[in-house]
Amino acid sequence: MKVVYITGWLRSGSTILGNVLNELPGVLHVGELHYLWQNGVLRHGTNSLCGCGEQVQACPLWSSVVATLDAPDLSRLATQMMRWQRGALRTRHTRARLANTPEQARAVVDRTVALYRALAERGASRAIVDSSKYPAEAAALLDRPDVDLRLVHIVRDPRATAYSYLRAKRYIDPMSPAASTSNWVGFNLASELVGNASNGRYLRVRHEDLTREPRRVVAEVLRFAGLDDEPPVDDDGKVTLGVNHTVTGNPDRLGQGTVAIRPDERWRTELPAGHAAVSTALALPLLRRYRYPLRAKGAA
């Protein structure tokens, strides 16, 4: 099974990238599958809908997929899976997961691969796009002989993500620039660790390039994933999105119709200078590597 696993820090464009790929025949974007148990099964929080608009367990696709797990008590399984995820597959566990896969992590990955298999049998014959963004999970999937893993690491200017996190969304609380950028550094370094161990199955994509040249960047992702389709994005950056079956993620995933992929540069003028300075200082070691300017108001 071919799995395109998107990793990196949140609010970097994984939802739109995944939903664009979802428009290709035989390709299914499943959203943040890591949270199937918390949001989809237990319905904790405000982000429990499938991308089709139904509750996950009422969705014809997901009800069929979850049934293949043959779990007599699905809620109990979900609680157990969440406990194992916290214990073995958080970002801090990435280096350890590259070295070995303990029993708890193996149990989670076995269930995840079982879900992938059921999805492949139900329409995702060419590729599954999983935008869970957990580097440790990607690390644990690397050595699976039954998964052709392609790791897409998406990055965005840390000042832009810090600005985005100043505002709460329905499904996630706001975060300070210091906290957002600390996580940005941790997730991106961990993603690089997995990329270095992936034997060439790694592609880094900048959010800024995706939003400025969506057709070119999507074409690059398709080539990397071994898909020979034309990008479903026109030269003006417009894409027509149909129904998807993302189990969780940015609520924008629920939208359908024609979407224009455009840069959002509001942070350059609206992010307070003090916040920009904090984010720049914390991200300094990675800014040059990802081709971001030191001066927050400058052009990328």
C-alpha atoms as a PDB file:
ATOM      1  CA  MET A   1       0.000   0.000   0.000  1.00  0.00           C
ATOM      2  CA  LYS A   2       1.254   3.451  -0.870  1.00  0.00           C
ATOM      3  CA  VAL A   3       0.873   5.959   1.973  1.00  0.00           C
ATOM      4  CA  VAL A   4       1.749   9.637   1.568  1.00  0.00           C
ATOM      5  CA  TYR A   5       2.306  10.714   5.168  1.00  0.00           C
ATOM      6  CA  ILE A   6       2.343  14.492   5.713  1.00  0.00           C
ATOM      7  CA  THR A   7       4.331  15.737   8.670  1.00  0.00           C
ATOM      8  CA  GLY A   8       5.397  19.099  10.100  1.00  0.00           C
ATOM      9  CA  TRP A   9       3.882  21.656  12.468  1.00  0.00           C
ATOM     10  CA  LEU A  10       0.191  22.586  12.401  1.00  0.00           C
ATOM     11  CA  ARG A  11      -1.382  25.370  10.320  1.00  0.00           C
ATOM     12  CA  SER A  12       1.096  24.833   7.509  1.00  0.00           C
ATOM     13  CA  GLY A  13      -1.194  23.803   4.666  1.00  0.00           C
ATOM     14  CA  SER A  14      -1.509  20.043   5.073  1.00  0.00           C
ATOM     15  CA  THR A  15      -5.308  20.154   4.769  1.00  0.00           C
ATOM     16  CA  ILE A  16      -5.406  21.873   1.405  1.00  0.00           C
ATOM     17  CA  LEU A  17      -2.545  19.774   0.041  1.00  0.00           C
ATOM     18  CA  GLY A  18      -4.265  16.574   1.148  1.00  0.00           C
ATOM     19  CA  ASN A  19      -7.630  17.634  -0.249  1.00  0.00           C
ATOM     20  CA  VAL A  20      -6.101  18.538  -3.605  1.00  0.00           C
ATOM     21  CA  LEU A  21      -4.528  15.072  -3.816  1.00  0.00           C
ATOM     22  CA  ASN A  22      -7.900  13.598  -2.815  1.00  0.00           C
ATOM     23  CA  GLU A  23      -9.299  14.754  -6.172  1.00  0.00           C
ATOM     24  CA  LEU A  24      -7.205  12.177  -8.037  1.00  0.00           C
ATOM     25  CA  PRO A  25      -8.764   8.806  -8.915  1.00  0.00           C
ATOM     26  CA  GLY A  26      -7.801   6.070  -6.478  1.00  0.00           C
ATOM     27  CA  VAL A  27      -6.309   8.541  -3.971  1.00  0.00           C
ATOM     28  CA  LEU A  28      -7.961   9.161  -0.604  1.00  0.00           C
ATOM     29  CA  HIS A  29      -7.076  11.876   1.891  1.00  0.00           C
ATOM     30  CA  VAL A  30      -8.037  10.523   5.314  1.00  0.00           C
ATOM     31  CA  GLY A  31      -7.123  13.639   7.282  1.00  0.00           C
ATOM     32  CA  GLU A  32      -5.394  13.250  10.649  1.00  0.00           C
ATOM     33  CA  LEU A  33      -5.924   9.525  11.115  1.00  0.00           C
ATOM     34  CA  HIS A  34      -3.987   9.646  14.392  1.00  0.00           C
ATOM     35  CA  TYR A  35      -7.077  11.284  15.924  1.00  0.00           C
ATOM     36  CA  LEU A  36      -9.622   8.762  14.655  1.00  0.00           C
ATOM     37  CA  TRP A  37      -9.847   7.278  18.142  1.00  0.00           C
ATOM     38  CA  GLN A  38     -10.179  10.524  20.101  1.00  0.00           C
ATOM     39  CA  ASN A  39     -12.387  12.518  17.736  1.00  0.00           C
ATOM     40  CA  GLY A  40     -14.025   9.991  15.464  1.00  0.00           C
ATOM     41  CA  VAL A  41     -14.810   7.155  17.869  1.00  0.00           C
ATOM     42  CA  LEU A  42     -15.070   8.845  21.264  1.00  0.00           C
ATOM     43  CA  ARG A  43     -16.270  12.172  19.792  1.00  0.00           C
ATOM     44  CA  HIS A  44     -14.204  14.246  22.195  1.00  0.00           C
ATOM     45  CA  GLY A  45     -14.010  17.929  21.314  1.00  0.00           C
ATOM     46  CA  THR A  46     -15.570  19.872  18.452  1.00  0.00           C
ATOM     47  CA  ASN A  47     -13.829  18.242  15.510  1.00  0.00           C
ATOM     48  CA  SER A  48     -15.587  14.876  15.264  1.00  0.00           C
ATOM     49  CA  LEU A  49     -17.190  15.105  11.826  1.00  0.00           C
ATOM     50  CA  CYS A  50     -16.021  13.249   8.758  1.00  0.00           C
ATOM     51  CA  GLY A  51     -15.220  15.519   5.828  1.00  0.00           C
ATOM     52  CA  CYS A  52     -18.456  14.346   4.210  1.00  0.00           C
ATOM     53  CA  GLY A  53     -20.403  16.058   7.011  1.00  0.00           C
ATOM     54  CA  GLU A  54     -21.519  12.930   8.880  1.00  0.00           C
ATOM     55  CA  GLN A  55     -20.311  11.783  12.251  1.00  0.00           C
ATOM     56  CA  VAL A  56     -17.398   9.424  11.544  1.00  0.00           C
ATOM     57  CA  GLN A  57     -19.205   6.299  12.719  1.00  0.00           C
ATOM     58  CA  ALA A  58     -22.272   7.237  10.643  1.00  0.00           C
ATOM     59  CA  CYS A  59     -20.220   7.775   7.479  1.00  0.00           C
ATOM     60  CA  PRO A  60     -20.719   4.826   5.088  1.00  0.00           C
ATOM     61  CA  LEU A  61     -16.984   4.594   4.377  1.00  0.00           C
ATOM     62  CA  TRP A  62     -15.708   4.852   7.933  1.00  0.00           C
ATOM     63  CA  SER A  63     -18.392   2.685   9.501  1.00  0.00           C
ATOM     64  CA  SER A  64     -17.370  -0.021   7.028  1.00  0.00           C
ATOM     65  CA  VAL A  65     -13.650   0.498   7.666  1.00  0.00           C
ATOM     66  CA  VAL A  66     -13.940   0.507  11.465  1.00  0.00           C
ATOM     67  CA  ALA A  67     -16.063  -2.646  11.336  1.00  0.00           C
ATOM     68  CA  THR A  68     -13.117  -4.541   9.820  1.00  0.00           C
ATOM     69  CA  LEU A  69     -11.233  -4.111  13.117  1.00  0.00           C
ATOM     70  CA  ASP A  70     -13.662  -6.617  14.662  1.00  0.00           C
ATOM     71  CA  ALA A  71     -13.456  -4.876  18.048  1.00  0.00           C
ATOM     72  CA  PRO A  72     -16.201  -5.994  20.461  1.00  0.00           C
ATOM     73  CA  ASP A  73     -15.851  -2.765  22.475  1.00  0.00           C
ATOM     74  CA  LEU A  74     -14.781   0.037  20.138  1.00  0.00           C
ATOM     75  CA  SER A  75     -14.748   2.700  22.865  1.00  0.00           C
ATOM     76  CA  ARG A  76     -12.437   0.605  24.993  1.00  0.00           C
ATOM     77  CA  LEU A  77     -10.137   0.038  22.027  1.00  0.00           C
ATOM     78  CA  ALA A  78     -10.113   3.785  21.289  1.00  0.00           C
ATOM     79  CA  THR A  79      -9.181   4.627  24.881  1.00  0.00           C
ATOM     80  CA  GLN A  80      -6.396   2.054  24.792  1.00  0.00           C
ATOM     81  CA  MET A  81      -5.085   3.346  21.470  1.00  0.00           C
ATOM     82  CA  MET A  82      -4.942   6.904  22.804  1.00  0.00           C
ATOM     83  CA  ARG A  83      -3.016   5.748  25.851  1.00  0.00           C
ATOM     84  CA  TRP A  84      -0.509   3.889  23.695  1.00  0.00           C
ATOM     85  CA  GLN A  85      -0.155   6.858  21.341  1.00  0.00           C
ATOM     86  CA  ARG A  86       0.670   9.154  24.259  1.00  0.00           C
ATOM     87  CA  GLY A  87       3.113   6.638  25.672  1.00  0.00           C
ATOM     88  CA  ALA A  88       5.082   5.827  22.529  1.00  0.00           C
ATOM     89  CA  LEU A  89       4.246   8.037  19.517  1.00  0.00           C
ATOM     90  CA  ARG A  90       4.531  11.645  20.599  1.00  0.00           C
ATOM     91  CA  THR A  91       7.041  13.878  18.812  1.00  0.00           C
ATOM     92  CA  ARG A  92       9.505  13.486  21.684  1.00  0.00           C
ATOM     93  CA  HIS A  93       9.617   9.746  20.910  1.00  0.00           C
ATOM     94  CA  THR A  94      10.781  10.159  17.297  1.00  0.00           C
ATOM     95  CA  ARG A  95      14.456   9.324  17.788  1.00  0.00           C
ATOM     96  CA  ALA A  96      13.566   6.280  19.887  1.00  0.00           C
ATOM     97  CA  ARG A  97      11.061   5.055  17.277  1.00  0.00           C
ATOM     98  CA  LEU A  98      13.748   5.201  14.624  1.00  0.00           C
ATOM     99  CA  ALA A  99      15.833   2.888  16.809  1.00  0.00           C
ATOM    100  CA  ASN A 100      13.117   0.402  17.794  1.00  0.00           C
ATOM    101  CA  THR A 101       9.375  -0.170  17.945  1.00  0.00           C
ATOM    102  CA  PRO A 102       8.216  -1.384  21.367  1.00  0.00           C
ATOM    103  CA  GLU A 103       5.073  -3.411  21.897  1.00  0.00           C
ATOM    104  CA  GLN A 104       2.754  -0.438  22.469  1.00  0.00           C
ATOM    105  CA  ALA A 105       3.919   1.402  19.363  1.00  0.00           C
ATOM    106  CA  ARG A 106       3.712  -1.790  17.323  1.00  0.00           C
ATOM    107  CA  ALA A 107       0.138  -2.356  18.470  1.00  0.00           C
ATOM    108  CA  VAL A 108      -0.861   1.148  17.348  1.00  0.00           C
ATOM    109  CA  VAL A 109       0.895   0.833  14.011  1.00  0.00           C
ATOM    110  CA  ASP A 110      -0.645  -2.604  13.411  1.00  0.00           C
ATOM    111  CA  ARG A 111      -4.109  -1.074  13.838  1.00  0.00           C
ATOM    112  CA  THR A 112      -3.191   1.896  11.652  1.00  0.00           C
ATOM    113  CA  VAL A 113      -1.963  -0.378   8.868  1.00  0.00           C
ATOM    114  CA  ALA A 114      -5.132  -2.467   9.193  1.00  0.00           C
ATOM    115  CA  LEU A 115      -7.116   0.735   8.613  1.00  0.00           C
ATOM    116  CA  TYR A 116      -4.925   1.599   5.611  1.00  0.00           C
ATOM    117  CA  ARG A 117      -5.580  -1.873   4.190  1.00  0.00           C
ATOM    118  CA  ALA A 118      -9.339  -1.535   4.590  1.00  0.00           C
ATOM    119  CA  LEU A 119      -9.214   1.908   2.947  1.00  0.00           C
ATOM    120  CA  ALA A 120      -7.156   0.559   0.035  1.00  0.00           C
ATOM    121  CA  GLU A 121      -9.868  -2.049  -0.508  1.00  0.00           C
ATOM    122  CA  ARG A 122     -12.549   0.673  -0.494  1.00  0.00           C
ATOM    123  CA  GLY A 123     -11.294   3.077  -3.115  1.00  0.00           C
ATOM    124  CA  ALA A 124      -7.771   4.122  -2.099  1.00  0.00           C
ATOM    125  CA  SER A 125      -6.220   1.702  -4.550  1.00  0.00           C
ATOM    126  CA  ARG A 126      -3.401   4.023  -5.616  1.00  0.00           C
ATOM    127  CA  ALA A 127      -2.522   5.978  -2.475  1.00  0.00           C
ATOM    128  CA  ILE A 128      -3.699   6.989   0.977  1.00  0.00           C
ATOM    129  CA  VAL A 129      -2.832  10.499   2.164  1.00  0.00           C
ATOM    130  CA  ASP A 130      -2.488  10.660   5.955  1.00  0.00           C
ATOM    131  CA  SER A 131      -1.942  14.202   7.274  1.00  0.00           C
ATOM    132  CA  SER A 132      -1.522  13.198  10.934  1.00  0.00           C
ATOM    133  CA  LYS A 133       1.794  15.090  11.198  1.00  0.00           C
ATOM    134  CA  TYR A 134       3.311  12.908  13.921  1.00  0.00           C
ATOM    135  CA  PRO A 135       6.990  12.272  13.074  1.00  0.00           C
ATOM    136  CA  ALA A 136       7.256   9.413  15.598  1.00  0.00           C
ATOM    137  CA  GLU A 137       4.355   7.651  13.901  1.00  0.00           C
ATOM    138  CA  ALA A 138       6.012   8.096  10.521  1.00  0.00           C
ATOM    139  CA  ALA A 139       9.223   6.705  12.017  1.00  0.00           C
ATOM    140  CA  ALA A 140       7.388   3.606  13.247  1.00  0.00           C
ATOM    141  CA  LEU A 141       5.861   3.108   9.791  1.00  0.00           C
ATOM    142  CA  LEU A 142       9.182   3.347   7.935  1.00  0.00           C
ATOM    143  CA  ASP A 143      10.180  -0.294   8.340  1.00  0.00           C
ATOM    144  CA  ARG A 144       6.789  -1.804   7.590  1.00  0.00           C
ATOM    145  CA  PRO A 145       7.270  -4.109   4.589  1.00  0.00           C
ATOM    146  CA  ASP A 146       3.562  -3.818   3.735  1.00  0.00           C
ATOM    147  CA  VAL A 147       3.601  -0.002   3.446  1.00  0.00           C
ATOM    148  CA  ASP A 148       5.250   2.047   0.694  1.00  0.00           C
ATOM    149  CA  LEU A 149       5.694   5.185   2.801  1.00  0.00           C
ATOM    150  CA  ARG A 150       6.369   8.565   1.185  1.00  0.00           C
ATOM    151  CA  LEU A 151       7.058  11.330   3.718  1.00  0.00           C
ATOM    152  CA  VAL A 152       6.033  14.883   2.754  1.00  0.00           C
ATOM    153  CA  HIS A 153       7.373  17.407   5.267  1.00  0.00           C
ATOM    154  CA  ILE A 154       5.528  20.715   4.972  1.00  0.00           C
ATOM    155  CA  VAL A 155       7.017  23.837   6.577  1.00  0.00           C
ATOM    156  CA  ARG A 156       5.784  27.400   6.936  1.00  0.00           C
ATOM    157  CA  ASP A 157       7.427  30.566   8.222  1.00  0.00           C
ATOM    158  CA  PRO A 158       7.235  30.299  12.037  1.00  0.00           C
ATOM    159  CA  ARG A 159       6.064  33.921  12.308  1.00  0.00           C
ATOM    160  CA  ALA A 160       3.073  33.048  10.099  1.00  0.00           C
ATOM    161  CA  THR A 161       2.108  30.078  12.273  1.00  0.00           C
ATOM    162  CA  ALA A 162       2.640  32.158  15.431  1.00  0.00           C
ATOM    163  CA  TYR A 163       0.265  34.763  14.011  1.00  0.00           C
ATOM    164  CA  SER A 164      -2.291  32.088  13.153  1.00  0.00           C
ATOM    165  CA  TYR A 165      -2.146  30.703  16.685  1.00  0.00           C
ATOM    166  CA  LEU A 166      -2.948  34.073  18.226  1.00  0.00           C
ATOM    167  CA  ARG A 167      -6.561  33.387  17.227  1.00  0.00           C
ATOM    168  CA  ALA A 168      -8.536  30.439  18.540  1.00  0.00           C
ATOM    169  CA  LYS A 169     -10.325  28.151  16.127  1.00  0.00           C
ATOM    170  CA  ARG A 170     -13.371  26.069  16.904  1.00  0.00           C
ATOM    171  CA  TYR A 171     -11.274  22.981  17.419  1.00  0.00           C
ATOM    172  CA  ILE A 172      -8.091  24.352  18.999  1.00  0.00           C
ATOM    173  CA  ASP A 173      -7.124  26.918  21.624  1.00  0.00           C
ATOM    174  CA  PRO A 174      -4.824  29.882  20.938  1.00  0.00           C
ATOM    175  CA  MET A 175      -1.128  29.558  21.695  1.00  0.00           C
ATOM    176  CA  SER A 176       1.595  32.057  22.524  1.00  0.00           C
ATOM    177  CA  PRO A 177       4.302  32.769  19.912  1.00  0.00           C
ATOM    178  CA  ALA A 178       6.856  31.163  22.236  1.00  0.00           C
ATOM    179  CA  ALA A 179       4.835  27.956  22.547  1.00  0.00           C
ATOM    180  CA  SER A 180       3.914  27.830  18.862  1.00  0.00           C
ATOM    181  CA  THR A 181       7.497  28.369  17.710  1.00  0.00           C
ATOM    182  CA  SER A 182       8.934  25.889  20.212  1.00  0.00           C
ATOM    183  CA  ASN A 183       6.590  23.283  18.795  1.00  0.00           C
ATOM    184  CA  TRP A 184       7.481  24.407  15.260  1.00  0.00           C
ATOM    185  CA  VAL A 185      11.156  23.737  15.972  1.00  0.00           C
ATOM    186  CA  GLY A 186      10.485  20.373  17.629  1.00  0.00           C
ATOM    187  CA  PHE A 187       8.153  19.031  14.952  1.00  0.00           C
ATOM    188  CA  ASN A 188      10.387  20.156  12.094  1.00  0.00           C
ATOM    189  CA  LEU A 189      13.593  18.766  13.604  1.00  0.00           C
ATOM    190  CA  ALA A 190      11.826  15.480  14.303  1.00  0.00           C
ATOM    191  CA  SER A 191      10.507  15.404  10.732  1.00  0.00           C
ATOM    192  CA  GLU A 192      14.037  15.894   9.441  1.00  0.00           C
ATOM    193  CA  LEU A 193      15.236  12.970  11.574  1.00  0.00           C
ATOM    194  CA  VAL A 194      12.703  10.706   9.923  1.00  0.00           C
ATOM    195  CA  GLY A 195      13.567  12.119   6.513  1.00  0.00           C
ATOM    196  CA  ASN A 196      17.247  11.355   7.055  1.00  0.00           C
ATOM    197  CA  ALA A 197      16.369   7.746   7.858  1.00  0.00           C
ATOM    198  CA  SER A 198      13.933   7.295   4.983  1.00  0.00           C
ATOM    199  CA  ASN A 199      16.331   6.274   2.192  1.00  0.00           C
ATOM    200  CA  GLY A 200      15.110   8.983  -0.154  1.00  0.00           C
ATOM    201  CA  ARG A 201      11.396   8.659   0.635  1.00  0.00           C
ATOM    202  CA  TYR A 202      11.286  12.275   1.859  1.00  0.00           C
ATOM    203  CA  LEU A 203      10.234  15.541   0.266  1.00  0.00           C
ATOM    204  CA  ARG A 204      10.203  18.941   1.952  1.00  0.00           C
ATOM    205  CA  VAL A 205       7.599  21.445   0.739  1.00  0.00           C
ATOM    206  CA  ARG A 206       7.280  25.077   1.810  1.00  0.00           C
ATOM    207  CA  HIS A 207       3.795  26.420   2.432  1.00  0.00           C
ATOM    208  CA  GLU A 208       4.804  29.660   0.728  1.00  0.00           C
ATOM    209  CA  ASP A 209       5.768  27.830  -2.469  1.00  0.00           C
ATOM    210  CA  LEU A 210       2.576  25.762  -2.371  1.00  0.00           C
ATOM    211  CA  THR A 211       0.371  28.849  -2.125  1.00  0.00           C
ATOM    212  CA  ARG A 212       2.313  30.920  -4.697  1.00  0.00           C
ATOM    213  CA  GLU A 213       2.842  28.164  -7.276  1.00  0.00           C
ATOM    214  CA  PRO A 214       0.294  25.484  -6.396  1.00  0.00           C
ATOM    215  CA  ARG A 215       0.271  23.722  -9.733  1.00  0.00           C
ATOM    216  CA  ARG A 216       4.060  23.365  -9.835  1.00  0.00           C
ATOM    217  CA  VAL A 217       4.358  22.210  -6.226  1.00  0.00           C
ATOM    218  CA  VAL A 218       1.483  19.727  -6.477  1.00  0.00           C
ATOM    219  CA  ALA A 219       3.126  18.320  -9.618  1.00  0.00           C
ATOM    220  CA  GLU A 220       6.347  17.884  -7.630  1.00  0.00           C
ATOM    221  CA  VAL A 221       4.491  16.046  -4.875  1.00  0.00           C
ATOM    222  CA  LEU A 222       2.807  13.790  -7.427  1.00  0.00           C
ATOM    223  CA  ARG A 223       6.125  12.849  -9.040  1.00  0.00           C
ATOM    224  CA  PHE A 224       7.599  12.149  -5.624  1.00  0.00           C
ATOM    225  CA  ALA A 225       4.628   9.937  -4.735  1.00  0.00           C
ATOM    226  CA  GLY A 226       4.920   7.992  -7.978  1.00  0.00           C
ATOM    227  CA  LEU A 227       1.605   9.271  -9.353  1.00  0.00           C
ATOM    228  CA  ASP A 228       1.599  10.214 -13.041  1.00  0.00           C
ATOM    229  CA  ASP A 229      -1.549  12.392 -12.972  1.00  0.00           C
ATOM    230  CA  GLU A 230      -1.783  15.988 -14.056  1.00  0.00           C
ATOM    231  CA  PRO A 231      -2.198  18.277 -11.010  1.00  0.00           C
ATOM    232  CA  PRO A 232      -5.913  19.010 -10.376  1.00  0.00           C
ATOM    233  CA  VAL A 233      -4.993  22.702 -10.030  1.00  0.00           C
ATOM    234  CA  ASP A 234      -5.168  25.141 -12.914  1.00  0.00           C
ATOM    235  CA  ASP A 235      -2.600  27.789 -13.799  1.00  0.00           C
ATOM    236  CA  ASP A 236      -4.478  30.348 -11.693  1.00  0.00           C
ATOM    237  CA  GLY A 237      -4.251  28.189  -8.569  1.00  0.00           C
ATOM    238  CA  LYS A 238      -7.891  27.134  -8.638  1.00  0.00           C
ATOM    239  CA  VAL A 239      -9.062  23.642  -7.743  1.00  0.00           C
ATOM    240  CA  THR A 240     -12.558  22.185  -7.528  1.00  0.00           C
ATOM    241  CA  LEU A 241     -12.930  20.120  -4.372  1.00  0.00           C
ATOM    242  CA  GLY A 242     -15.516  17.379  -4.033  1.00  0.00           C
ATOM    243  CA  VAL A 243     -16.522  15.289  -1.041  1.00  0.00           C
ATOM    244  CA  ASN A 244     -13.717  13.952   1.131  1.00  0.00           C
ATOM    245  CA  HIS A 245     -13.589  11.553   4.055  1.00  0.00           C
ATOM    246  CA  THR A 246     -11.085  13.227   6.347  1.00  0.00           C
ATOM    247  CA  VAL A 247     -11.673  11.988   9.890  1.00  0.00           C
ATOM    248  CA  THR A 248     -10.388  15.134  11.576  1.00  0.00           C
ATOM    249  CA  GLY A 249      -8.325  18.264  10.887  1.00  0.00           C
ATOM    250  CA  ASN A 250      -8.835  21.908  10.015  1.00  0.00           C
ATOM    251  CA  PRO A 251     -12.596  22.587   9.619  1.00  0.00           C
ATOM    252  CA  ASP A 252     -11.807  24.086   6.207  1.00  0.00           C
ATOM    253  CA  ARG A 253     -11.673  20.457   5.059  1.00  0.00           C
ATOM    254  CA  LEU A 254     -15.488  20.435   5.092  1.00  0.00           C
ATOM    255  CA  GLY A 255     -15.676  22.943   2.240  1.00  0.00           C
ATOM    256  CA  GLN A 256     -16.492  21.941  -1.336  1.00  0.00           C
ATOM    257  CA  GLY A 257     -16.521  23.711  -4.657  1.00  0.00           C
ATOM    258  CA  THR A 258     -13.945  25.858  -6.423  1.00  0.00           C
ATOM    259  CA  VAL A 259     -11.153  27.148  -4.182  1.00  0.00           C
ATOM    260  CA  ALA A 260      -8.376  29.547  -5.139  1.00  0.00           C
ATOM    261  CA  ILE A 261      -5.082  28.676  -3.432  1.00  0.00           C
ATOM    262  CA  ARG A 262      -3.494  31.994  -2.470  1.00  0.00           C
ATOM    263  CA  PRO A 263      -0.793  33.162  -0.035  1.00  0.00           C
ATOM    264  CA  ASP A 264      -1.914  34.602   3.301  1.00  0.00           C
ATOM    265  CA  GLU A 265       0.620  37.258   4.215  1.00  0.00           C
ATOM    266  CA  ARG A 266      -1.354  39.174   6.854  1.00  0.00           C
ATOM    267  CA  TRP A 267       1.150  38.247   9.510  1.00  0.00           C
ATOM    268  CA  ARG A 268       3.764  40.508   7.898  1.00  0.00           C
ATOM    269  CA  THR A 269       1.849  43.631   8.886  1.00  0.00           C
ATOM    270  CA  GLU A 270      -0.372  42.408  11.724  1.00  0.00           C
ATOM    271  CA  LEU A 271       1.953  40.305  13.912  1.00  0.00           C
ATOM    272  CA  PRO A 272       3.189  42.542  16.768  1.00  0.00           C
ATOM    273  CA  ALA A 273       6.929  43.242  16.618  1.00  0.00           C
ATOM    274  CA  GLY A 274       7.560  41.661  20.037  1.00  0.00           C
ATOM    275  CA  HIS A 275       5.861  38.445  19.005  1.00  0.00           C
ATOM    276  CA  ALA A 276       7.814  38.387  15.750  1.00  0.00           C
ATOM    277  CA  ALA A 277      11.088  38.860  17.674  1.00  0.00           C
ATOM    278  CA  VAL A 278      10.317  35.949  20.010  1.00  0.00           C
ATOM    279  CA  SER A 279       9.435  33.648  17.127  1.00  0.00           C
ATOM    280  CA  THR A 280      12.507  34.683  15.111  1.00  0.00           C
ATOM    281  CA  ALA A 281      14.855  34.083  18.030  1.00  0.00           C
ATOM    282  CA  LEU A 282      13.503  30.629  18.816  1.00  0.00           C
ATOM    283  CA  ALA A 283      13.467  29.510  15.185  1.00  0.00           C
ATOM    284  CA  LEU A 284      16.817  31.075  14.262  1.00  0.00           C
ATOM    285  CA  PRO A 285      18.743  27.813  13.656  1.00  0.00           C
ATOM    286  CA  LEU A 286      16.203  26.652  11.064  1.00  0.00           C
ATOM    287  CA  LEU A 287      15.263  29.887   9.310  1.00  0.00           C
ATOM    288  CA  ARG A 288      18.161  29.880   6.864  1.00  0.00           C
ATOM    289  CA  ARG A 289      17.781  26.155   6.195  1.00  0.00           C
ATOM    290  CA  TYR A 290      14.185  26.705   5.122  1.00  0.00           C
ATOM    291  CA  ARG A 291      15.030  29.941   3.237  1.00  0.00           C
ATOM    292  CA  TYR A 292      13.161  32.318   5.533  1.00  0.00           C
ATOM    293  CA  PRO A 293      14.460  35.837   6.189  1.00  0.00           C
ATOM    294  CA  LEU A 294      15.658  36.947   9.618  1.00  0.00           C
ATOM    295  CA  ARG A 295      13.703  40.169   9.240  1.00  0.00           C
ATOM    296  CA  ALA A 296      10.097  39.217   9.828  1.00  0.00           C
ATOM    297  CA  LYS A 297       8.664  41.948   7.596  1.00  0.00           C
ATOM    298  CA  GLY A 298      10.855  41.066   4.629  1.00  0.00           C
ATOM    299  CA  ALA A 299       9.910  39.062   1.580  1.00  0.00           C
ATOM    300  CA  ALA A 300      10.275  35.290   1.809  1.00  0.00           C
END
